[in-house]
C-alpha atoms as a PDB file:
ATOM      1  CA  MET A   1       9.885   4.890  -2.686  1.00  0.00           C
ATOM      2  CA  GLU A   2       8.365   8.191  -1.594  1.00  0.00           C
ATOM      3  CA  ILE A   3       4.817   8.108  -0.274  1.00  0.00           C
ATOM      4  CA  GLU A   4       3.018  11.299   0.661  1.00  0.00           C
ATOM      5  CA  GLY A   5       0.578  11.723   3.488  1.00  0.00           C
ATOM      6  CA  TYR A   6      -1.084  14.669   5.199  1.00  0.00           C
ATOM      7  CA  CYS A   7       0.467  15.897   8.447  1.00  0.00           C
ATOM      8  CA  VAL A   8      -2.255  17.353  10.673  1.00  0.00           C
ATOM      9  CA  LYS A   9       0.267  19.273  12.777  1.00  0.00           C
ATOM     10  CA  CYS A  10       2.055  20.943   9.832  1.00  0.00           C
ATOM     11  CA  LYS A  11      -1.225  21.134   7.854  1.00  0.00           C
ATOM     12  CA  ALA A  12       0.584  20.122   4.675  1.00  0.00           C
ATOM     13  CA  LYS A  13       1.394  17.086   2.550  1.00  0.00           C
ATOM     14  CA  ARG A  14       4.712  15.529   3.532  1.00  0.00           C
ATOM     15  CA  VAL A  15       6.746  12.546   2.383  1.00  0.00           C
ATOM     16  CA  ILE A  16       6.275   9.793   4.974  1.00  0.00           C
ATOM     17  CA  GLU A  17       9.513   8.934   6.774  1.00  0.00           C
ATOM     18  CA  LYS A  18      10.086   5.173   7.178  1.00  0.00           C
ATOM     19  CA  PRO A  19       6.754   4.124   5.620  1.00  0.00           C
ATOM     20  CA  THR A  20       5.292   0.847   6.867  1.00  0.00           C
ATOM     21  CA  ALA A  21       2.482  -0.973   5.065  1.00  0.00           C
ATOM     22  CA  GLY A  22      -0.291  -2.638   6.998  1.00  0.00           C
ATOM     23  CA  PHE A  23      -4.022  -3.072   7.393  1.00  0.00           C
ATOM     24  CA  ASN A  24      -6.467  -1.455   9.813  1.00  0.00           C
ATOM     25  CA  LYS A  25      -9.173  -3.234  11.841  1.00  0.00           C
ATOM     26  CA  ARG A  26     -11.591  -3.162   8.908  1.00  0.00           C
ATOM     27  CA  GLY A  27      -9.038  -4.701   6.542  1.00  0.00           C
ATOM     28  CA  SER A  28      -8.324  -1.524   4.536  1.00  0.00           C
ATOM     29  CA  ALA A  29      -4.769  -0.980   3.339  1.00  0.00           C
ATOM     30  CA  VAL A  30      -2.877   1.735   5.250  1.00  0.00           C
ATOM     31  CA  VAL A  31       0.614   3.209   5.360  1.00  0.00           C
ATOM     32  CA  PHE A  32       1.987   4.824   8.482  1.00  0.00           C
ATOM     33  CA  GLY A  33       5.214   6.529   9.478  1.00  0.00           C
ATOM     34  CA  LYS A  34       6.493   9.875  10.737  1.00  0.00           C
ATOM     35  CA  CYS A  35       6.539  13.431   9.425  1.00  0.00           C
ATOM     36  CA  PRO A  36      10.140  14.379   8.569  1.00  0.00           C
ATOM     37  CA  THR A  37       9.549  17.973   9.714  1.00  0.00           C
ATOM     38  CA  CYS A  38       7.807  17.691  13.094  1.00  0.00           C
ATOM     39  CA  GLY A  39       7.932  13.958  13.932  1.00  0.00           C
ATOM     40  CA  THR A  40       4.145  13.513  14.211  1.00  0.00           C
ATOM     41  CA  LYS A  41       2.669  10.177  13.132  1.00  0.00           C
ATOM     42  CA  ILE A  42       1.237  10.195   9.601  1.00  0.00           C
ATOM     43  CA  TYR A  43      -1.438   7.672   8.659  1.00  0.00           C
ATOM     44  CA  ARG A  44      -2.493   7.268   5.031  1.00  0.00           C
ATOM     45  CA  ILE A  45      -5.343   5.074   3.850  1.00  0.00           C
ATOM     46  CA  GLY A  46      -5.020   3.329   0.495  1.00  0.00           C
ATOM     47  CA  ARG A  47      -3.142   0.575  -1.264  1.00  0.00           C
ATOM     48  CA  THR A  48       0.399   1.349  -2.465  1.00  0.00           C
ATOM     49  CA  LYS A  49       3.282  -0.569  -4.017  1.00  0.00           C
ATOM     50  CA  LEU A  50       4.412  -1.451  -0.482  1.00  0.00           C
ATOM     51  CA  HIS A  51       1.338  -3.693  -0.245  1.00  0.00           C
ATOM     52  CA  ASP A  52       2.361  -5.832  -3.254  1.00  0.00           C
ATOM     53  CA  GLY A  53       2.282  -9.471  -2.178  1.00  0.00           C
ATOM     54  CA  MET A  54       0.377  -8.726   1.036  1.00  0.00           C
ATOM     55  CA  GLU A  55      -3.145  -9.982   1.615  1.00  0.00           C
ATOM     56  CA  ALA A  56      -5.698  -8.275   3.826  1.00  0.00           C
ATOM     57  CA  PRO A  57      -6.617 -10.179   6.967  1.00  0.00           C
ATOM     58  CA  LYS A  58      -9.864 -12.084   6.791  1.00  0.00           C
ATOM     59  CA  LYS A  59     -12.734 -10.634   8.781  1.00  0.00           C
END
């Protein structure tokens, strides 16, 4: 599954390498991984198919 995120170093949308689904401190769904071009961390906010079956932590 290809998930795109914005790389702030390349200043372009890139496909996230090794995407990992999770939740931030506020309980919002996030996906994080690395930029395939420069190796910078990419962090995307929003629910994806990787989050299927996962529940947000309770506040």
